[in-house]
Amino acid sequence: MTAEFFKSWFLPGIWITVQVTFLSAALAFVISFVIGLARTAPSKLVRILAGIYFEVFRSTSSLVFMFWIAFTVPMLFQIKFIGMAAGVIALGMTYGAYGSEIVRGALQAVPPAQREAGIALNFTRVQRLRRIEIPQAWPEMLPPFNNLLIELLKGTSLVSLIIVADMTFAGNLQRLVTGDSAPVYTLLLVVYFVLAFLLTRGMRLLERRAKAKLGQAPPKGGLFGGLRERGAIDAVTGTAGTAGTAGTAGTGGAK
């Protein structure tokens, strides 16, 4: 691997990977809350529509959906997407479906007495969500959101298949030119780990601050505590780990 490869392909590829990760995460975050809140809405129709979105995107391949946006949508609707846009939309909508389950599970873990207190104070649903439910559920969302963000980071490698020059694309290009498979893929593994570790530390910091606002103890764990705190199942169910803290979450009740 030459200095020219790093300057012209690999370092720009890392920057593209970072961009795709954060843009996809922003879209997924918005969708997570919209669909997650809709799945707890009083209206049965709203819950059904949100449930359809969740089931459809949970059950389809993000790679095939990415291909569909990049190659099928332009033919059907005369709308042309650049590769990065297709990748961001596909990843954001797919991981947003998983994130909606995290939001739904965390909101349902809020003690019913807290919601009842809001109703007794004549709060509207929006006021109850803003003042009572979301502030208490937010710290419980962060660990599974962290897992989901790491999965999203790793999923960004799929954009290389629609000719987006991320670092995986750059690595594959270098391997085809030189045949150096071992150093190229080892380097990719190391860089993905470093990026994932930095994201984990940032999310752990957010979790500490969120718990501190509710008067809860910060999450335990040393330097690598954030990597082993929760199982990967949290990213799917969004419910693991909430039951044990539901009682303490209730201390931030309506004021």
Protein backbone atom coordinates (compact mmCIF):
# COMPACT_ATOMS: atom_id res chain seq x y z
CA MET A 1 0.00 0.00 0.00
CA THR A 2 1.46 3.29 -1.12
CA ALA A 3 1.23 6.82 0.20
CA GLU A 4 -0.66 7.77 -2.96
CA PHE A 5 -3.31 5.15 -2.18
CA PHE A 6 -3.84 6.57 1.32
CA LYS A 7 -3.96 10.16 0.08
CA SER A 8 -6.16 9.63 -2.97
CA TRP A 9 -8.45 6.80 -1.91
CA PHE A 10 -8.29 5.52 1.66
CA LEU A 11 -8.44 8.76 3.67
CA PRO A 12 -11.22 10.22 1.47
CA GLY A 13 -12.94 6.83 1.82
CA ILE A 14 -12.87 7.10 5.61
CA TRP A 15 -14.45 10.55 5.38
CA ILE A 16 -17.21 9.21 3.09
CA THR A 17 -17.85 6.35 5.54
CA VAL A 18 -18.18 8.87 8.38
CA GLN A 19 -20.57 11.01 6.33
CA VAL A 20 -22.76 8.06 5.37
CA THR A 21 -22.81 6.90 9.00
CA PHE A 22 -23.91 10.22 10.47
CA LEU A 23 -26.39 11.09 7.72
CA SER A 24 -27.97 7.63 7.92
CA ALA A 25 -28.00 7.82 11.73
CA ALA A 26 -29.74 11.22 11.63
CA LEU A 27 -32.44 9.88 9.31
CA ALA A 28 -32.79 6.68 11.36
CA PHE A 29 -33.08 8.72 14.58
CA VAL A 30 -35.97 10.79 13.20
CA ILE A 31 -37.74 7.71 11.84
CA SER A 32 -37.17 5.86 15.12
CA PHE A 33 -39.04 8.49 17.10
CA VAL A 34 -41.78 9.06 14.52
CA ILE A 35 -42.59 5.37 14.13
CA GLY A 36 -41.88 4.51 17.77
CA LEU A 37 -44.25 7.19 19.03
CA ALA A 38 -46.82 6.23 16.41
CA ARG A 39 -46.74 2.63 17.64
CA THR A 40 -47.80 3.86 21.09
CA ALA A 41 -50.42 6.29 19.78
CA PRO A 42 -54.03 6.09 21.03
CA SER A 43 -55.32 5.75 17.43
CA LYS A 44 -55.51 2.15 16.27
CA LEU A 45 -55.10 3.21 12.63
CA VAL A 46 -51.87 5.06 13.41
CA ARG A 47 -50.54 2.04 15.31
CA ILE A 48 -51.39 -0.27 12.42
CA LEU A 49 -49.66 1.94 9.83
CA ALA A 50 -46.57 2.28 12.02
CA GLY A 51 -46.57 -1.47 12.61
CA ILE A 52 -46.68 -2.11 8.85
CA TYR A 53 -43.65 0.13 8.35
CA PHE A 54 -41.78 -1.69 11.11
CA GLU A 55 -42.58 -5.16 9.78
CA VAL A 56 -41.78 -4.29 6.15
CA PHE A 57 -38.38 -2.76 6.80
CA ARG A 58 -37.44 -5.26 9.48
CA SER A 59 -38.14 -8.12 7.09
CA THR A 60 -36.40 -6.83 3.95
CA SER A 61 -32.74 -6.70 3.02
CA SER A 62 -31.15 -3.28 3.33
CA LEU A 63 -28.79 -4.19 0.48
CA VAL A 64 -31.64 -5.13 -1.88
CA PHE A 65 -33.53 -2.00 -0.84
CA MET A 66 -30.41 0.03 -1.59
CA PHE A 67 -30.22 -1.54 -5.06
CA TRP A 68 -33.93 -0.82 -5.55
CA ILE A 69 -33.47 2.88 -4.75
CA ALA A 70 -30.31 3.21 -6.81
CA PHE A 71 -31.41 1.30 -9.92
CA THR A 72 -35.19 0.73 -9.91
CA VAL A 73 -36.54 4.08 -8.70
CA PRO A 74 -34.84 6.01 -11.54
CA MET A 75 -36.54 3.77 -14.11
CA LEU A 76 -39.98 3.81 -12.49
CA PHE A 77 -40.26 7.43 -11.39
CA GLN A 78 -37.60 9.26 -13.40
CA ILE A 79 -35.88 10.25 -10.15
CA LYS A 80 -32.13 9.85 -10.15
CA PHE A 81 -30.25 9.33 -6.90
CA ILE A 82 -26.53 9.68 -6.47
CA GLY A 83 -24.98 6.65 -4.85
CA MET A 84 -24.48 8.20 -1.42
CA ALA A 85 -28.09 9.44 -1.26
CA ALA A 86 -29.40 5.97 -2.13
CA GLY A 87 -27.22 4.43 0.56
CA VAL A 88 -28.23 6.96 3.22
CA ILE A 89 -31.95 6.56 2.49
CA ALA A 90 -31.81 2.75 2.47
CA LEU A 91 -29.77 2.49 5.68
CA GLY A 92 -31.69 5.24 7.46
CA MET A 93 -35.11 3.76 6.70
CA THR A 94 -34.04 0.21 7.55
CA TYR A 95 -32.28 1.00 10.83
CA GLY A 96 -35.00 3.50 11.70
CA ALA A 97 -37.41 0.57 11.82
CA TYR A 98 -35.23 -1.20 14.39
CA GLY A 99 -34.83 2.05 16.31
CA SER A 100 -38.59 2.47 16.53
CA GLU A 101 -38.74 -0.72 18.57
CA ILE A 102 -36.17 0.73 20.96
CA VAL A 103 -38.28 3.87 21.40
CA ARG A 104 -41.49 1.89 21.85
CA GLY A 105 -39.94 -0.48 24.40
CA ALA A 106 -38.36 2.32 26.43
CA LEU A 107 -41.60 4.33 26.54
CA GLN A 108 -43.57 1.30 27.68
CA ALA A 109 -41.01 0.72 30.45
CA VAL A 110 -41.93 4.06 32.06
CA PRO A 111 -44.00 3.25 35.17
CA PRO A 112 -47.76 3.62 34.50
CA ALA A 113 -48.06 5.76 37.63
CA GLN A 114 -46.01 8.45 35.91
CA ARG A 115 -48.41 8.60 32.96
CA GLU A 116 -51.37 8.58 35.31
CA ALA A 117 -49.87 11.51 37.19
CA GLY A 118 -49.67 13.44 33.92
CA ILE A 119 -53.28 12.65 33.16
CA ALA A 120 -54.28 13.77 36.65
CA LEU A 121 -52.50 17.07 35.99
CA ASN A 122 -54.57 17.43 32.79
CA PHE A 123 -51.50 17.21 30.55
CA THR A 124 -52.07 16.52 26.87
CA ARG A 125 -50.34 13.52 25.31
CA VAL A 126 -47.66 15.78 23.86
CA GLN A 127 -47.04 17.37 27.24
CA ARG A 128 -46.85 13.96 28.93
CA LEU A 129 -44.33 12.78 26.36
CA ARG A 130 -42.23 15.92 26.56
CA ARG A 131 -42.26 16.41 30.33
CA ILE A 132 -42.59 12.91 31.76
CA GLU A 133 -42.18 9.92 29.46
CA ILE A 134 -39.37 10.79 27.06
CA PRO A 135 -37.07 12.30 29.76
CA GLN A 136 -37.35 9.07 31.75
CA ALA A 137 -37.15 6.75 28.75
CA TRP A 138 -34.23 8.54 27.07
CA PRO A 139 -31.42 7.06 29.27
CA GLU A 140 -32.81 3.58 28.63
CA MET A 141 -32.79 4.16 24.86
CA LEU A 142 -29.13 5.11 24.68
CA PRO A 143 -27.44 1.68 25.23
CA PRO A 144 -29.51 -0.09 22.52
CA PHE A 145 -29.18 2.98 20.29
CA ASN A 146 -25.43 2.63 20.73
CA ASN A 147 -25.56 -0.97 19.53
CA LEU A 148 -27.72 0.05 16.59
CA LEU A 149 -25.32 2.85 15.67
CA ILE A 150 -22.40 0.41 15.60
CA GLU A 151 -24.40 -1.94 13.38
CA LEU A 152 -25.17 1.01 11.11
CA LEU A 153 -21.49 1.91 10.90
CA LYS A 154 -20.65 -1.61 9.81
CA GLY A 155 -23.59 -1.61 7.40
CA THR A 156 -22.18 1.40 5.56
CA SER A 157 -19.77 -0.97 3.82
CA LEU A 158 -22.74 -1.98 1.65
CA VAL A 159 -22.60 1.35 -0.17
CA SER A 160 -19.39 0.19 -1.83
CA LEU A 161 -21.57 -2.15 -3.90
CA ILE A 162 -23.35 0.81 -5.53
CA ILE A 163 -20.02 2.43 -6.45
CA VAL A 164 -19.72 4.80 -3.50
CA ALA A 165 -16.01 5.33 -2.82
CA ASP A 166 -16.06 4.64 0.91
CA MET A 167 -13.10 3.00 2.62
CA THR A 168 -14.35 -0.52 1.81
CA PHE A 169 -14.55 0.43 -1.87
CA ALA A 170 -11.03 1.86 -1.65
CA GLY A 171 -9.77 -1.30 0.03
CA ASN A 172 -11.32 -3.55 -2.61
CA LEU A 173 -9.84 -1.38 -5.35
CA GLN A 174 -6.37 -1.65 -3.81
CA ARG A 175 -6.73 -5.42 -3.49
CA LEU A 176 -7.67 -5.76 -7.15
CA VAL A 177 -4.67 -3.67 -8.21
CA THR A 178 -2.02 -5.22 -5.98
CA GLY A 179 -3.51 -8.51 -4.77
CA ASP A 180 -2.63 -7.62 -1.16
CA SER A 181 -5.70 -9.05 0.55
CA ALA A 182 -4.30 -9.56 4.05
CA PRO A 183 -2.97 -6.03 4.75
CA VAL A 184 -5.92 -4.32 3.08
CA TYR A 185 -8.65 -6.16 4.98
CA THR A 186 -6.71 -6.09 8.23
CA LEU A 187 -6.46 -2.31 7.92
CA LEU A 188 -10.19 -2.07 7.22
CA LEU A 189 -10.99 -4.14 10.31
CA VAL A 190 -8.79 -1.92 12.48
CA VAL A 191 -10.32 1.32 11.17
CA TYR A 192 -13.88 0.04 11.64
CA PHE A 193 -13.01 -0.95 15.20
CA VAL A 194 -11.52 2.47 15.96
CA LEU A 195 -14.56 4.28 14.57
CA ALA A 196 -16.91 1.98 16.49
CA PHE A 197 -14.96 2.49 19.70
CA LEU A 198 -15.10 6.28 19.36
CA LEU A 199 -18.85 6.16 18.73
CA THR A 200 -19.30 3.93 21.78
CA ARG A 201 -17.40 6.29 24.05
CA GLY A 202 -19.48 9.21 22.80
CA MET A 203 -22.72 7.36 23.43
CA ARG A 204 -21.55 6.34 26.91
CA LEU A 205 -20.92 9.98 27.70
CA LEU A 206 -24.45 10.86 26.58
CA GLU A 207 -25.82 8.04 28.75
CA ARG A 208 -23.93 9.28 31.81
CA ARG A 209 -25.27 12.80 31.36
CA ALA A 210 -28.82 11.58 30.77
CA LYS A 211 -28.78 9.44 33.91
CA ALA A 212 -27.23 12.25 35.94
CA LYS A 213 -30.15 14.53 35.04
CA LEU A 214 -32.53 11.96 36.55
CA GLY A 215 -30.35 11.48 39.64
CA GLN A 216 -29.41 7.94 38.64
CA ALA A 217 -26.03 6.30 39.06
CA PRO A 218 -23.86 6.42 35.92
CA PRO A 219 -23.39 3.15 34.00
CA LYS A 220 -20.67 0.92 35.37
CA GLY A 221 -17.67 -0.24 33.39
CA GLY A 222 -14.09 0.72 32.72
CA LEU A 223 -12.47 1.75 29.50
CA PHE A 224 -14.17 -1.00 27.53
CA GLY A 225 -17.35 -1.05 29.63
CA GLY A 226 -19.45 0.41 26.86
CA LEU A 227 -18.57 -2.45 24.54
CA ARG A 228 -19.82 -5.16 26.87
CA GLU A 229 -22.60 -3.40 28.78
CA ARG A 230 -25.53 -4.62 26.71
CA GLY A 231 -26.18 -7.60 24.45
CA ALA A 232 -26.80 -7.16 20.75
CA ILE A 233 -30.41 -8.20 21.31
CA ASP A 234 -31.12 -4.69 22.65
CA ALA A 235 -30.85 -3.36 19.11
CA VAL A 236 -33.73 -5.60 18.06
CA THR A 237 -36.07 -5.60 21.05
CA GLY A 238 -35.18 -2.33 22.73
CA THR A 239 -36.46 -3.77 26.02
CA ALA A 240 -33.47 -5.47 27.61
CA GLY A 241 -32.20 -3.71 30.65
CA THR A 242 -35.21 -1.45 31.11
CA ALA A 243 -37.10 -3.46 33.67
CA GLY A 244 -34.36 -3.23 36.24
CA THR A 245 -34.24 0.55 36.08
CA ALA A 246 -37.91 1.32 35.70
CA GLY A 247 -38.25 2.01 39.38
CA THR A 248 -35.39 4.49 39.44
CA ALA A 249 -36.60 6.13 36.24
CA GLY A 250 -39.80 6.95 38.02
CA THR A 251 -37.98 9.33 40.33
CA GLY A 252 -38.08 12.05 37.70
CA GLY A 253 -41.87 12.25 37.83
CA ALA A 254 -44.22 15.05 36.87
CA LYS A 255 -43.55 18.44 38.40
